[in-house]
Amino acid sequence: MSLSATFNSLISVADNTKPIRKRQAPFSIRFSENERTQLLAEAAGVPLGAYIKEKVLVGGSPGKWERTRPTVADRKVFAQALGLLGK
């Protein structure tokens, strides 16, 4: 068997084992500065993409998202651990 025939047979086997999934093209929309400012104000801390999705698909206003931050006690422990690692 020639090298090209071997290669082609391997390619055909690989093609049959893995289905090809075609991804949807992303949807983009442009906003004026005023529109974007208004949306950011309405979103009130919620990521803008999530806010727009919720507003368009559900029609309501999504709940407020809060980023969790380490507590002061956690920060002290992290600082001590970093200090020990730096020695």
PDB file of N, CA and C in Angstrom:
ATOM      1  N   MET A   1       0.858  -1.169   0.000  1.00  0.00           N
ATOM      2  CA  MET A   1       0.000   0.000   0.000  1.00  0.00           C
ATOM      3  C   MET A   1       0.907   1.236   0.000  1.00  0.00           C
ATOM      4  N   SER A   2       0.564   2.204  -0.827  1.00  0.00           N
ATOM      5  CA  SER A   2       1.373   3.416  -0.927  1.00  0.00           C
ATOM      6  C   SER A   2       1.116   4.319   0.273  1.00  0.00           C
ATOM      7  N   LEU A   3       2.000   5.264   0.445  1.00  0.00           N
ATOM      8  CA  LEU A   3       1.884   6.195   1.561  1.00  0.00           C
ATOM      9  C   LEU A   3       0.620   7.040   1.444  1.00  0.00           C
ATOM     10  N   SER A   4       0.298   7.514   0.248  1.00  0.00           N
ATOM     11  CA  SER A   4      -0.896   8.341   0.080  1.00  0.00           C
ATOM     12  C   SER A   4      -2.172   7.528   0.309  1.00  0.00           C
ATOM     13  N   ALA A   5      -2.192   6.271  -0.098  1.00  0.00           N
ATOM     14  CA  ALA A   5      -3.360   5.426   0.129  1.00  0.00           C
ATOM     15  C   ALA A   5      -3.560   5.177   1.624  1.00  0.00           C
ATOM     16  N   THR A   6      -2.463   4.963   2.333  1.00  0.00           N
ATOM     17  CA  THR A   6      -2.537   4.762   3.776  1.00  0.00           C
ATOM     18  C   THR A   6      -3.067   6.019   4.464  1.00  0.00           C
ATOM     19  N   PHE A   7      -2.526   7.158   4.041  1.00  0.00           N
ATOM     20  CA  PHE A   7      -2.970   8.425   4.615  1.00  0.00           C
ATOM     21  C   PHE A   7      -4.455   8.651   4.355  1.00  0.00           C
ATOM     22  N   ASN A   8      -4.891   8.425   3.124  1.00  0.00           N
ATOM     23  CA  ASN A   8      -6.304   8.623   2.777  1.00  0.00           C
ATOM     24  C   ASN A   8      -7.210   7.681   3.553  1.00  0.00           C
ATOM     25  N   SER A   9      -6.769   6.455   3.783  1.00  0.00           N
ATOM     26  CA  SER A   9      -7.607   5.523   4.544  1.00  0.00           C
ATOM     27  C   SER A   9      -7.702   5.953   6.005  1.00  0.00           C
ATOM     28  N   LEU A  10      -6.609   6.495   6.548  1.00  0.00           N
ATOM     29  CA  LEU A  10      -6.650   6.992   7.922  1.00  0.00           C
ATOM     30  C   LEU A  10      -7.556   8.203   8.037  1.00  0.00           C
ATOM     31  N   ILE A  11      -7.517   9.072   7.063  1.00  0.00           N
ATOM     32  CA  ILE A  11      -8.369  10.258   7.071  1.00  0.00           C
ATOM     33  C   ILE A  11      -9.837   9.853   6.995  1.00  0.00           C
ATOM     34  N   SER A  12     -10.164   8.904   6.145  1.00  0.00           N
ATOM     35  CA  SER A  12     -11.560   8.495   6.016  1.00  0.00           C
ATOM     36  C   SER A  12     -12.057   7.838   7.302  1.00  0.00           C
ATOM     37  N   VAL A  13     -11.190   7.084   7.994  1.00  0.00           N
ATOM     38  CA  VAL A  13     -11.569   6.486   9.271  1.00  0.00           C
ATOM     39  C   VAL A  13     -11.803   7.583  10.301  1.00  0.00           C
ATOM     40  N   ALA A  14     -10.915   8.572  10.341  1.00  0.00           N
ATOM     41  CA  ALA A  14     -11.054   9.660  11.305  1.00  0.00           C
ATOM     42  C   ALA A  14     -12.314  10.471  11.024  1.00  0.00           C
ATOM     43  N   ASP A  15     -12.651  10.685   9.763  1.00  0.00           N
ATOM     44  CA  ASP A  15     -13.842  11.447   9.414  1.00  0.00           C
ATOM     45  C   ASP A  15     -15.119  10.740   9.854  1.00  0.00           C
ATOM     46  N   ASN A  16     -15.123   9.419   9.827  1.00  0.00           N
ATOM     47  CA  ASN A  16     -16.317   8.661  10.184  1.00  0.00           C
ATOM     48  C   ASN A  16     -16.528   8.568  11.688  1.00  0.00           C
ATOM     49  N   THR A  17     -15.484   8.771  12.465  1.00  0.00           N
ATOM     50  CA  THR A  17     -15.624   8.590  13.908  1.00  0.00           C
ATOM     51  C   THR A  17     -16.060   9.863  14.632  1.00  0.00           C
ATOM     52  N   LYS A  18     -15.861  11.001  14.027  1.00  0.00           N
ATOM     53  CA  LYS A  18     -16.139  12.249  14.713  1.00  0.00           C
ATOM     54  C   LYS A  18     -17.117  13.090  13.895  1.00  0.00           C
ATOM     55  N   PRO A  19     -18.329  13.283  14.393  1.00  0.00           N
ATOM     56  CA  PRO A  19     -19.262  14.116  13.633  1.00  0.00           C
ATOM     57  C   PRO A  19     -18.823  15.580  13.651  1.00  0.00           C
ATOM     58  N   ILE A  20     -18.995  16.232  12.543  1.00  0.00           N
ATOM     59  CA  ILE A  20     -18.617  17.632  12.439  1.00  0.00           C
ATOM     60  C   ILE A  20     -19.806  18.481  12.873  1.00  0.00           C
ATOM     61  N   ARG A  21     -19.562  19.330  13.866  1.00  0.00           N
ATOM     62  CA  ARG A  21     -20.605  20.227  14.339  1.00  0.00           C
ATOM     63  C   ARG A  21     -20.301  21.624  13.829  1.00  0.00           C
ATOM     64  N   LYS A  22     -21.257  22.201  13.193  1.00  0.00           N
ATOM     65  CA  LYS A  22     -21.077  23.559  12.716  1.00  0.00           C
ATOM     66  C   LYS A  22     -21.665  24.507  13.745  1.00  0.00           C
ATOM     67  N   ARG A  23     -20.858  25.445  14.187  1.00  0.00           N
ATOM     68  CA  ARG A  23     -21.313  26.403  15.192  1.00  0.00           C
ATOM     69  C   ARG A  23     -22.103  27.515  14.526  1.00  0.00           C
ATOM     70  N   GLN A  24     -23.061  28.019  15.266  1.00  0.00           N
ATOM     71  CA  GLN A  24     -23.831  29.159  14.797  1.00  0.00           C
ATOM     72  C   GLN A  24     -22.942  30.399  14.818  1.00  0.00           C
ATOM     73  N   ALA A  25     -23.145  31.263  13.864  1.00  0.00           N
ATOM     74  CA  ALA A  25     -22.411  32.527  13.852  1.00  0.00           C
ATOM     75  C   ALA A  25     -22.910  33.391  14.997  1.00  0.00           C
ATOM     76  N   PRO A  26     -22.006  34.110  15.678  1.00  0.00           N
ATOM     77  CA  PRO A  26     -22.456  34.972  16.770  1.00  0.00           C
ATOM     78  C   PRO A  26     -23.312  36.107  16.235  1.00  0.00           C
ATOM     79  N   PHE A  27     -24.217  36.561  17.062  1.00  0.00           N
ATOM     80  CA  PHE A  27     -25.091  37.667  16.693  1.00  0.00           C
ATOM     81  C   PHE A  27     -24.513  38.929  17.317  1.00  0.00           C
ATOM     82  N   SER A  28     -24.339  39.941  16.518  1.00  0.00           N
ATOM     83  CA  SER A  28     -23.816  41.184  17.084  1.00  0.00           C
ATOM     84  C   SER A  28     -24.764  42.327  16.776  1.00  0.00           C
ATOM     85  N   ILE A  29     -24.745  43.290  17.644  1.00  0.00           N
ATOM     86  CA  ILE A  29     -25.608  44.461  17.488  1.00  0.00           C
ATOM     87  C   ILE A  29     -24.822  45.671  17.971  1.00  0.00           C
ATOM     88  N   ARG A  30     -24.994  46.780  17.310  1.00  0.00           N
ATOM     89  CA  ARG A  30     -24.292  48.001  17.692  1.00  0.00           C
ATOM     90  C   ARG A  30     -25.265  48.954  18.375  1.00  0.00           C
ATOM     91  N   PHE A  31     -24.765  49.621  19.406  1.00  0.00           N
ATOM     92  CA  PHE A  31     -25.544  50.604  20.127  1.00  0.00           C
ATOM     93  C   PHE A  31     -24.837  51.946  20.051  1.00  0.00           C
ATOM     94  N   SER A  32     -25.608  53.007  20.075  1.00  0.00           N
ATOM     95  CA  SER A  32     -25.009  54.335  20.169  1.00  0.00           C
ATOM     96  C   SER A  32     -24.461  54.488  21.591  1.00  0.00           C
ATOM     97  N   GLU A  33     -23.671  55.514  21.805  1.00  0.00           N
ATOM     98  CA  GLU A  33     -23.129  55.743  23.149  1.00  0.00           C
ATOM     99  C   GLU A  33     -24.242  55.957  24.165  1.00  0.00           C
ATOM    100  N   ASN A  34     -25.275  56.697  23.768  1.00  0.00           N
ATOM    101  CA  ASN A  34     -26.394  56.953  24.680  1.00  0.00           C
ATOM    102  C   ASN A  34     -27.140  55.662  25.012  1.00  0.00           C
ATOM    103  N   GLU A  35     -27.370  54.820  23.995  1.00  0.00           N
ATOM    104  CA  GLU A  35     -28.079  53.555  24.230  1.00  0.00           C
ATOM    105  C   GLU A  35     -27.270  52.654  25.149  1.00  0.00           C
ATOM    106  N   ARG A  36     -25.965  52.579  24.902  1.00  0.00           N
ATOM    107  CA  ARG A  36     -25.115  51.725  25.732  1.00  0.00           C
ATOM    108  C   ARG A  36     -25.076  52.238  27.175  1.00  0.00           C
ATOM    109  N   THR A  37     -24.973  53.544  27.344  1.00  0.00           N
ATOM    110  CA  THR A  37     -24.980  54.132  28.683  1.00  0.00           C
ATOM    111  C   THR A  37     -26.275  53.805  29.407  1.00  0.00           C
ATOM    112  N   GLN A  38     -27.395  53.895  28.684  1.00  0.00           N
ATOM    113  CA  GLN A  38     -28.691  53.579  29.281  1.00  0.00           C
ATOM    114  C   GLN A  38     -28.753  52.110  29.688  1.00  0.00           C
ATOM    115  N   LEU A  39     -28.270  51.213  28.807  1.00  0.00           N
ATOM    116  CA  LEU A  39     -28.283  49.788  29.128  1.00  0.00           C
ATOM    117  C   LEU A  39     -27.393  49.481  30.331  1.00  0.00           C
ATOM    118  N   LEU A  40     -26.225  50.100  30.392  1.00  0.00           N
ATOM    119  CA  LEU A  40     -25.338  49.868  31.528  1.00  0.00           C
ATOM    120  C   LEU A  40     -25.978  50.336  32.833  1.00  0.00           C
ATOM    121  N   ALA A  41     -26.682  51.448  32.776  1.00  0.00           N
ATOM    122  CA  ALA A  41     -27.367  51.941  33.977  1.00  0.00           C
ATOM    123  C   ALA A  41     -28.483  50.987  34.391  1.00  0.00           C
ATOM    124  N   GLU A  42     -29.233  50.486  33.428  1.00  0.00           N
ATOM    125  CA  GLU A  42     -30.315  49.548  33.729  1.00  0.00           C
ATOM    126  C   GLU A  42     -29.775  48.227  34.254  1.00  0.00           C
ATOM    127  N   ALA A  43     -28.633  47.799  33.729  1.00  0.00           N
ATOM    128  CA  ALA A  43     -28.064  46.510  34.122  1.00  0.00           C
ATOM    129  C   ALA A  43     -27.599  46.518  35.574  1.00  0.00           C
ATOM    130  N   ALA A  44     -27.161  47.653  36.061  1.00  0.00           N
ATOM    131  CA  ALA A  44     -26.776  47.829  37.472  1.00  0.00           C
ATOM    132  C   ALA A  44     -25.866  46.723  37.995  1.00  0.00           C
ATOM    133  N   GLY A  45     -24.745  46.521  37.327  1.00  0.00           N
ATOM    134  CA  GLY A  45     -23.768  45.545  37.814  1.00  0.00           C
ATOM    135  C   GLY A  45     -23.859  44.181  37.182  1.00  0.00           C
ATOM    136  N   VAL A  46     -24.956  43.873  36.531  1.00  0.00           N
ATOM    137  CA  VAL A  46     -25.091  42.596  35.834  1.00  0.00           C
ATOM    138  C   VAL A  46     -24.290  42.705  34.539  1.00  0.00           C
ATOM    139  N   PRO A  47     -23.553  41.655  34.138  1.00  0.00           N
ATOM    140  CA  PRO A  47     -22.846  41.720  32.860  1.00  0.00           C
ATOM    141  C   PRO A  47     -23.812  42.095  31.737  1.00  0.00           C
ATOM    142  N   LEU A  48     -23.374  42.994  30.867  1.00  0.00           N
ATOM    143  CA  LEU A  48     -24.260  43.569  29.864  1.00  0.00           C
ATOM    144  C   LEU A  48     -24.841  42.508  28.928  1.00  0.00           C
ATOM    145  N   GLY A  49     -24.034  41.545  28.517  1.00  0.00           N
ATOM    146  CA  GLY A  49     -24.533  40.478  27.642  1.00  0.00           C
ATOM    147  C   GLY A  49     -25.647  39.674  28.295  1.00  0.00           C
ATOM    148  N   ALA A  50     -25.452  39.343  29.562  1.00  0.00           N
ATOM    149  CA  ALA A  50     -26.473  38.585  30.302  1.00  0.00           C
ATOM    150  C   ALA A  50     -27.737  39.407  30.471  1.00  0.00           C
ATOM    151  N   TYR A  51     -27.565  40.698  30.737  1.00  0.00           N
ATOM    152  CA  TYR A  51     -28.729  41.571  30.908  1.00  0.00           C
ATOM    153  C   TYR A  51     -29.541  41.649  29.618  1.00  0.00           C
ATOM    154  N   ILE A  52     -28.851  41.848  28.497  1.00  0.00           N
ATOM    155  CA  ILE A  52     -29.557  41.961  27.213  1.00  0.00           C
ATOM    156  C   ILE A  52     -30.253  40.652  26.864  1.00  0.00           C
ATOM    157  N   LYS A  53     -29.574  39.516  27.078  1.00  0.00           N
ATOM    158  CA  LYS A  53     -30.206  38.208  26.813  1.00  0.00           C
ATOM    159  C   LYS A  53     -31.474  38.044  27.632  1.00  0.00           C
ATOM    160  N   GLU A  54     -31.378  38.331  28.917  1.00  0.00           N
ATOM    161  CA  GLU A  54     -32.530  38.184  29.806  1.00  0.00           C
ATOM    162  C   GLU A  54     -33.661  39.103  29.370  1.00  0.00           C
ATOM    163  N   LYS A  55     -33.328  40.327  29.037  1.00  0.00           N
ATOM    164  CA  LYS A  55     -34.330  41.311  28.642  1.00  0.00           C
ATOM    165  C   LYS A  55     -35.027  40.891  27.352  1.00  0.00           C
ATOM    166  N   VAL A  56     -34.268  40.387  26.390  1.00  0.00           N
ATOM    167  CA  VAL A  56     -34.840  40.016  25.090  1.00  0.00           C
ATOM    168  C   VAL A  56     -35.589  38.691  25.169  1.00  0.00           C
ATOM    169  N   LEU A  57     -35.001  37.688  25.793  1.00  0.00           N
ATOM    170  CA  LEU A  57     -35.592  36.351  25.771  1.00  0.00           C
ATOM    171  C   LEU A  57     -36.693  36.158  26.798  1.00  0.00           C
ATOM    172  N   VAL A  58     -36.563  36.760  27.955  1.00  0.00           N
ATOM    173  CA  VAL A  58     -37.556  36.572  29.012  1.00  0.00           C
ATOM    174  C   VAL A  58     -38.479  37.774  29.103  1.00  0.00           C
ATOM    175  N   GLY A  59     -37.954  38.932  28.810  1.00  0.00           N
ATOM    176  CA  GLY A  59     -38.761  40.133  28.853  1.00  0.00           C
ATOM    177  C   GLY A  59     -38.755  40.824  30.189  1.00  0.00           C
ATOM    178  N   GLY A  60     -38.108  40.235  31.155  1.00  0.00           N
ATOM    179  CA  GLY A  60     -38.071  40.852  32.475  1.00  0.00           C
ATOM    180  C   GLY A  60     -36.704  41.410  32.773  1.00  0.00           C
ATOM    181  N   SER A  61     -36.563  41.823  33.981  1.00  0.00           N
ATOM    182  CA  SER A  61     -35.278  42.327  34.434  1.00  0.00           C
ATOM    183  C   SER A  61     -34.606  41.246  35.266  1.00  0.00           C
ATOM    184  N   PRO A  62     -33.371  40.892  34.934  1.00  0.00           N
ATOM    185  CA  PRO A  62     -32.705  39.835  35.695  1.00  0.00           C
ATOM    186  C   PRO A  62     -32.378  40.294  37.104  1.00  0.00           C
ATOM    187  N   GLY A  63     -32.212  39.337  37.989  1.00  0.00           N
ATOM    188  CA  GLY A  63     -31.839  39.661  39.356  1.00  0.00           C
ATOM    189  C   GLY A  63     -30.450  40.261  39.404  1.00  0.00           C
ATOM    190  N   LYS A  64     -30.154  40.932  40.462  1.00  0.00           N
ATOM    191  CA  LYS A  64     -28.852  41.576  40.593  1.00  0.00           C
ATOM    192  C   LYS A  64     -27.779  40.537  40.850  1.00  0.00           C
ATOM    193  N   TRP A  65     -26.694  40.644  40.129  1.00  0.00           N
ATOM    194  CA  TRP A  65     -25.549  39.754  40.306  1.00  0.00           C
ATOM    195  C   TRP A  65     -24.552  40.441  41.207  1.00  0.00           C
ATOM    196  N   GLU A  66     -23.961  39.681  42.074  1.00  0.00           N
ATOM    197  CA  GLU A  66     -22.934  40.227  42.932  1.00  0.00           C
ATOM    198  C   GLU A  66     -21.673  39.402  42.778  1.00  0.00           C
ATOM    199  N   ARG A  67     -20.584  40.100  42.642  1.00  0.00           N
ATOM    200  CA  ARG A  67     -19.299  39.406  42.597  1.00  0.00           C
ATOM    201  C   ARG A  67     -18.887  39.107  44.021  1.00  0.00           C
ATOM    202  N   THR A  68     -18.451  37.900  44.249  1.00  0.00           N
ATOM    203  CA  THR A  68     -17.995  37.554  45.586  1.00  0.00           C
ATOM    204  C   THR A  68     -16.528  37.932  45.709  1.00  0.00           C
ATOM    205  N   ARG A  69     -16.197  38.534  46.806  1.00  0.00           N
ATOM    206  CA  ARG A  69     -14.823  38.948  47.068  1.00  0.00           C
ATOM    207  C   ARG A  69     -14.370  38.280  48.349  1.00  0.00           C
ATOM    208  N   PRO A  70     -13.069  38.021  48.426  1.00  0.00           N
ATOM    209  CA  PRO A  70     -12.581  37.409  49.666  1.00  0.00           C
ATOM    210  C   PRO A  70     -12.787  38.340  50.859  1.00  0.00           C
ATOM    211  N   THR A  71     -13.078  37.740  51.987  1.00  0.00           N
ATOM    212  CA  THR A  71     -13.255  38.528  53.204  1.00  0.00           C
ATOM    213  C   THR A  71     -11.898  39.030  53.688  1.00  0.00           C
ATOM    214  N   VAL A  72     -11.917  39.927  54.646  1.00  0.00           N
ATOM    215  CA  VAL A  72     -10.677  40.474  55.204  1.00  0.00           C
ATOM    216  C   VAL A  72      -9.850  39.348  55.824  1.00  0.00           C
ATOM    217  N   ALA A  73     -10.516  38.435  56.519  1.00  0.00           N
ATOM    218  CA  ALA A  73      -9.806  37.312  57.142  1.00  0.00           C
ATOM    219  C   ALA A  73      -9.137  36.444  56.078  1.00  0.00           C
ATOM    220  N   ASP A  74      -9.845  36.196  54.974  1.00  0.00           N
ATOM    221  CA  ASP A  74      -9.262  35.406  53.884  1.00  0.00           C
ATOM    222  C   ASP A  74      -8.058  36.114  53.278  1.00  0.00           C
ATOM    223  N   ARG A  75      -8.166  37.426  53.118  1.00  0.00           N
ATOM    224  CA  ARG A  75      -7.046  38.188  52.546  1.00  0.00           C
ATOM    225  C   ARG A  75      -5.813  38.111  53.447  1.00  0.00           C
ATOM    226  N   LYS A  76      -6.023  38.151  54.754  1.00  0.00           N
ATOM    227  CA  LYS A  76      -4.889  38.040  55.681  1.00  0.00           C
ATOM    228  C   LYS A  76      -4.214  36.683  55.550  1.00  0.00           C
ATOM    229  N   VAL A  77      -5.015  35.629  55.444  1.00  0.00           N
ATOM    230  CA  VAL A  77      -4.458  34.282  55.294  1.00  0.00           C
ATOM    231  C   VAL A  77      -3.708  34.172  53.970  1.00  0.00           C
ATOM    232  N   PHE A  78      -4.275  34.725  52.907  1.00  0.00           N
ATOM    233  CA  PHE A  78      -3.590  34.706  51.607  1.00  0.00           C
ATOM    234  C   PHE A  78      -2.264  35.450  51.685  1.00  0.00           C
ATOM    235  N   ALA A  79      -2.257  36.609  52.353  1.00  0.00           N
ATOM    236  CA  ALA A  79      -1.037  37.404  52.481  1.00  0.00           C
ATOM    237  C   ALA A  79       0.027  36.640  53.263  1.00  0.00           C
ATOM    238  N   GLN A  80      -0.392  35.953  54.335  1.00  0.00           N
ATOM    239  CA  GLN A  80       0.555  35.164  55.110  1.00  0.00           C
ATOM    240  C   GLN A  80       1.120  34.014  54.288  1.00  0.00           C
ATOM    241  N   ALA A  81       0.253  33.358  53.507  1.00  0.00           N
ATOM    242  CA  ALA A  81       0.711  32.245  52.665  1.00  0.00           C
ATOM    243  C   ALA A  81       1.704  32.753  51.610  1.00  0.00           C
ATOM    244  N   LEU A  82       1.404  33.893  51.010  1.00  0.00           N
ATOM    245  CA  LEU A  82       2.327  34.450  50.025  1.00  0.00           C
ATOM    246  C   LEU A  82       3.644  34.847  50.670  1.00  0.00           C
ATOM    247  N   GLY A  83       3.566  35.390  51.877  1.00  0.00           N
ATOM    248  CA  GLY A  83       4.785  35.751  52.595  1.00  0.00           C
ATOM    249  C   GLY A  83       5.655  34.529  52.874  1.00  0.00           C
ATOM    250  N   LEU A  84       5.032  33.424  53.257  1.00  0.00           N
ATOM    251  CA  LEU A  84       5.782  32.187  53.508  1.00  0.00           C
ATOM    252  C   LEU A  84       6.382  31.634  52.213  1.00  0.00           C
ATOM    253  N   LEU A  85       5.637  31.740  51.131  1.00  0.00           N
ATOM    254  CA  LEU A  85       6.156  31.260  49.852  1.00  0.00           C
ATOM    255  C   LEU A  85       7.322  32.112  49.360  1.00  0.00           C
ATOM    256  N   GLY A  86       7.298  33.393  49.716  1.00  0.00           N
ATOM    257  CA  GLY A  86       8.365  34.301  49.276  1.00  0.00           C
ATOM    258  C   GLY A  86       9.677  34.112  50.022  1.00  0.00           C
ATOM    259  N   LYS A  87       9.655  33.440  51.167  1.00  0.00           N
ATOM    260  CA  LYS A  87      10.871  33.244  51.950  1.00  0.00           C
ATOM    261  C   LYS A  87      11.762  32.188  51.362  1.00  0.00           C
TER     262      LYS A  87
END
